[in-house]
């Protein structure tokens, strides 16, 4: 779904709103803010894989909180995308253990192969390259995550095969 340009135009689907209401119902009425993480996840899924300021404003409206409270959360967690992303978001672990096992070389290889830098989208719109903090597979680095799937013990050849496979989807 395409994100709209103003808060008044941002509308969740009925299915998404039902899910949001379900999460909100888990908390006392005066603690709706507690549902912010799952609501942001729903928003990101609903609006093309990212949460624009207008979508974040709509989340604040739904949760009866100030927009800054949503911005603080959305900017803190790397799992929320603050600008449009490609079809496949490549999240490369950049913490110490993965770096010791070659994550920096993997990132450099990805930048060269995709023609973009960390934080950017490939020109074909298929890929977004991000680095993230620990993905909890320290003995299997370098590694990356695409959606909920981990890819471990990566090297340039394995990465190229993965990119080729993803390009066909």
Protein backbone atom coordinates (compact mmCIF):
# COMPACT_ATOMS: atom_id res chain seq x y z
CA UNK A 1 0.00 0.00 0.00
CA UNK A 2 1.26 3.46 -0.89
CA UNK A 3 1.76 5.87 2.00
CA UNK A 4 -0.24 9.04 1.82
CA UNK A 5 1.04 12.56 2.34
CA UNK A 6 -0.96 13.89 5.26
CA UNK A 7 -1.98 12.45 8.61
CA UNK A 8 -5.67 12.79 7.78
CA UNK A 9 -5.21 10.68 4.66
CA UNK A 10 -3.31 7.88 6.44
CA UNK A 11 -5.83 5.13 7.02
CA UNK A 12 -5.20 1.61 8.19
CA UNK A 13 -7.16 -1.22 6.63
CA UNK A 14 -9.94 -2.75 8.74
CA UNK A 15 -7.82 -5.88 9.18
CA UNK A 16 -4.88 -3.84 10.50
CA UNK A 17 -7.14 -1.82 12.80
CA UNK A 18 -8.63 -5.03 14.22
CA UNK A 19 -5.11 -6.26 14.97
CA UNK A 20 -4.18 -2.91 16.52
CA UNK A 21 -7.30 -2.98 18.72
CA UNK A 22 -6.42 -6.53 19.78
CA UNK A 23 -2.95 -5.42 20.93
CA UNK A 24 -4.29 -2.34 22.68
CA UNK A 25 -6.81 -4.51 24.54
CA UNK A 26 -3.93 -6.28 26.30
CA UNK A 27 -3.24 -3.15 28.36
CA UNK A 28 -5.21 -0.94 30.75
CA UNK A 29 -7.06 1.90 28.98
CA UNK A 30 -4.65 4.50 30.37
CA UNK A 31 -1.62 2.48 29.18
CA UNK A 32 -2.32 2.19 25.44
CA UNK A 33 1.20 3.40 24.76
CA UNK A 34 2.40 -0.03 25.84
CA UNK A 35 1.22 -1.34 22.47
CA UNK A 36 3.55 0.97 20.54
CA UNK A 37 5.99 -1.69 19.28
CA UNK A 38 3.40 -4.06 17.79
CA UNK A 39 1.42 -1.12 16.39
CA UNK A 40 4.55 0.22 14.67
CA UNK A 41 5.19 -3.26 13.23
CA UNK A 42 1.64 -3.34 11.88
CA UNK A 43 2.07 0.17 10.47
CA UNK A 44 5.31 -0.75 8.74
CA UNK A 45 3.72 -3.84 7.18
CA UNK A 46 0.63 -1.89 6.18
CA UNK A 47 2.44 1.00 4.51
CA UNK A 48 5.09 -0.47 2.26
CA UNK A 49 7.79 -1.50 4.71
CA UNK A 50 8.46 1.87 6.30
CA UNK A 51 6.89 4.37 8.69
CA UNK A 52 6.73 7.93 7.41
CA UNK A 53 6.25 10.83 9.83
CA UNK A 54 2.58 10.90 8.78
CA UNK A 55 2.16 7.23 9.64
CA UNK A 56 3.94 7.77 12.96
CA UNK A 57 1.55 10.65 13.64
CA UNK A 58 -1.39 8.34 12.96
CA UNK A 59 0.06 5.77 15.38
CA UNK A 60 0.30 8.52 18.02
CA UNK A 61 -3.31 9.48 17.37
CA UNK A 62 -4.48 5.87 17.72
CA UNK A 63 -2.54 5.41 20.97
CA UNK A 64 -3.53 8.81 22.38
CA UNK A 65 0.08 9.90 22.84
CA UNK A 66 2.25 12.73 21.55
CA UNK A 67 3.88 12.17 18.15
CA UNK A 68 7.34 12.64 19.68
CA UNK A 69 6.73 9.52 21.78
CA UNK A 70 6.32 7.50 18.59
CA UNK A 71 9.30 9.18 16.89
CA UNK A 72 11.50 8.30 19.87
CA UNK A 73 10.66 4.61 19.55
CA UNK A 74 10.75 4.45 15.75
CA UNK A 75 14.18 6.11 15.60
CA UNK A 76 15.64 4.02 18.43
CA UNK A 77 14.98 0.57 16.97
CA UNK A 78 16.71 -0.40 13.73
CA UNK A 79 13.81 -2.69 12.80
CA UNK A 80 11.73 0.33 11.85
CA UNK A 81 12.50 1.89 8.49
CA UNK A 82 12.15 5.66 8.34
CA UNK A 83 12.35 5.98 4.57
CA UNK A 84 11.23 3.82 1.65
CA UNK A 85 13.03 0.51 1.36
CA UNK A 86 13.65 -2.03 -1.35
CA UNK A 87 11.79 -5.29 -1.74
CA UNK A 88 14.50 -7.05 0.29
CA UNK A 89 16.07 -5.34 3.31
CA UNK A 90 19.51 -6.81 3.99
CA UNK A 91 20.38 -6.27 7.65
CA UNK A 92 24.03 -7.13 8.22
CA UNK A 93 25.24 -7.65 11.78
CA UNK A 94 28.04 -5.20 12.52
CA UNK A 95 28.98 -6.07 16.08
CA UNK A 96 32.37 -7.33 17.22
CA UNK A 97 32.04 -11.09 16.73
CA UNK A 98 30.65 -10.73 13.20
CA UNK A 99 33.28 -8.12 12.34
CA UNK A 100 36.01 -10.49 13.54
CA UNK A 101 34.57 -13.10 11.18
CA UNK A 102 34.50 -10.74 8.16
CA UNK A 103 31.30 -8.68 8.31
CA UNK A 104 33.19 -5.55 7.22
CA UNK A 105 34.35 -7.37 4.06
CA UNK A 106 30.83 -8.66 3.47
CA UNK A 107 29.42 -5.12 3.78
CA UNK A 108 32.04 -3.83 1.33
CA UNK A 109 31.20 -6.65 -1.09
CA UNK A 110 27.48 -5.85 -0.83
CA UNK A 111 28.08 -2.15 -1.42
CA UNK A 112 30.08 -2.96 -4.56
CA UNK A 113 27.64 -5.57 -5.83
CA UNK A 114 24.51 -3.50 -5.17
CA UNK A 115 26.00 -0.14 -6.16
CA UNK A 116 24.81 1.53 -2.98
CA UNK A 117 26.10 2.26 0.50
CA UNK A 118 24.76 1.23 3.89
CA UNK A 119 21.47 3.03 4.46
CA UNK A 120 20.66 3.24 0.75
CA UNK A 121 18.56 1.37 -1.79
CA UNK A 122 19.93 -0.30 -4.91
CA UNK A 123 19.06 1.54 -8.12
CA UNK A 124 16.70 -1.27 -9.19
CA UNK A 125 14.72 -0.87 -5.95
CA UNK A 126 15.17 -4.51 -5.00
CA UNK A 127 17.55 -4.12 -2.08
CA UNK A 128 18.14 -1.91 0.92
CA UNK A 129 21.45 -2.35 2.75
CA UNK A 130 21.44 -1.76 6.50
CA UNK A 131 23.74 -2.61 9.35
CA UNK A 132 22.28 -3.61 12.68
CA UNK A 133 23.41 -4.47 16.14
CA UNK A 134 23.78 -8.05 17.33
CA UNK A 135 21.48 -10.58 15.68
CA UNK A 136 22.41 -13.21 18.30
CA UNK A 137 24.31 -15.66 16.12
CA UNK A 138 27.82 -14.64 17.13
CA UNK A 139 29.45 -17.98 16.32
CA UNK A 140 27.91 -18.06 12.86
CA UNK A 141 29.05 -14.72 11.47
CA UNK A 142 29.22 -12.95 9.30
CA UNK A 143 25.50 -13.05 9.02
CA UNK A 144 22.51 -11.07 7.93
CA UNK A 145 18.79 -11.10 8.32
CA UNK A 146 16.14 -10.64 5.64
CA UNK A 147 12.70 -10.30 7.21
CA UNK A 148 12.61 -13.12 9.80
CA UNK A 149 15.22 -15.35 8.17
CA UNK A 150 18.89 -15.53 9.14
CA UNK A 151 21.71 -16.28 6.70
CA UNK A 152 24.89 -17.33 8.47
CA UNK A 153 28.56 -18.06 7.71
CA UNK A 154 28.40 -15.83 4.67
CA UNK A 155 31.17 -15.12 2.21
CA UNK A 156 31.07 -13.22 -1.09
CA UNK A 157 30.18 -16.31 -3.13
CA UNK A 158 27.30 -17.32 -0.83
CA UNK A 159 26.13 -13.71 -0.78
CA UNK A 160 26.15 -13.48 -4.57
CA UNK A 161 24.09 -16.66 -4.83
CA UNK A 162 21.61 -15.31 -2.28
CA UNK A 163 21.31 -12.00 -4.15
CA UNK A 164 20.79 -13.85 -7.43
CA UNK A 165 18.04 -15.96 -5.85
CA UNK A 166 16.36 -12.94 -4.29
CA UNK A 167 16.50 -11.06 -7.60
CA UNK A 168 14.33 -13.78 -9.15
CA UNK A 169 11.55 -13.45 -6.56
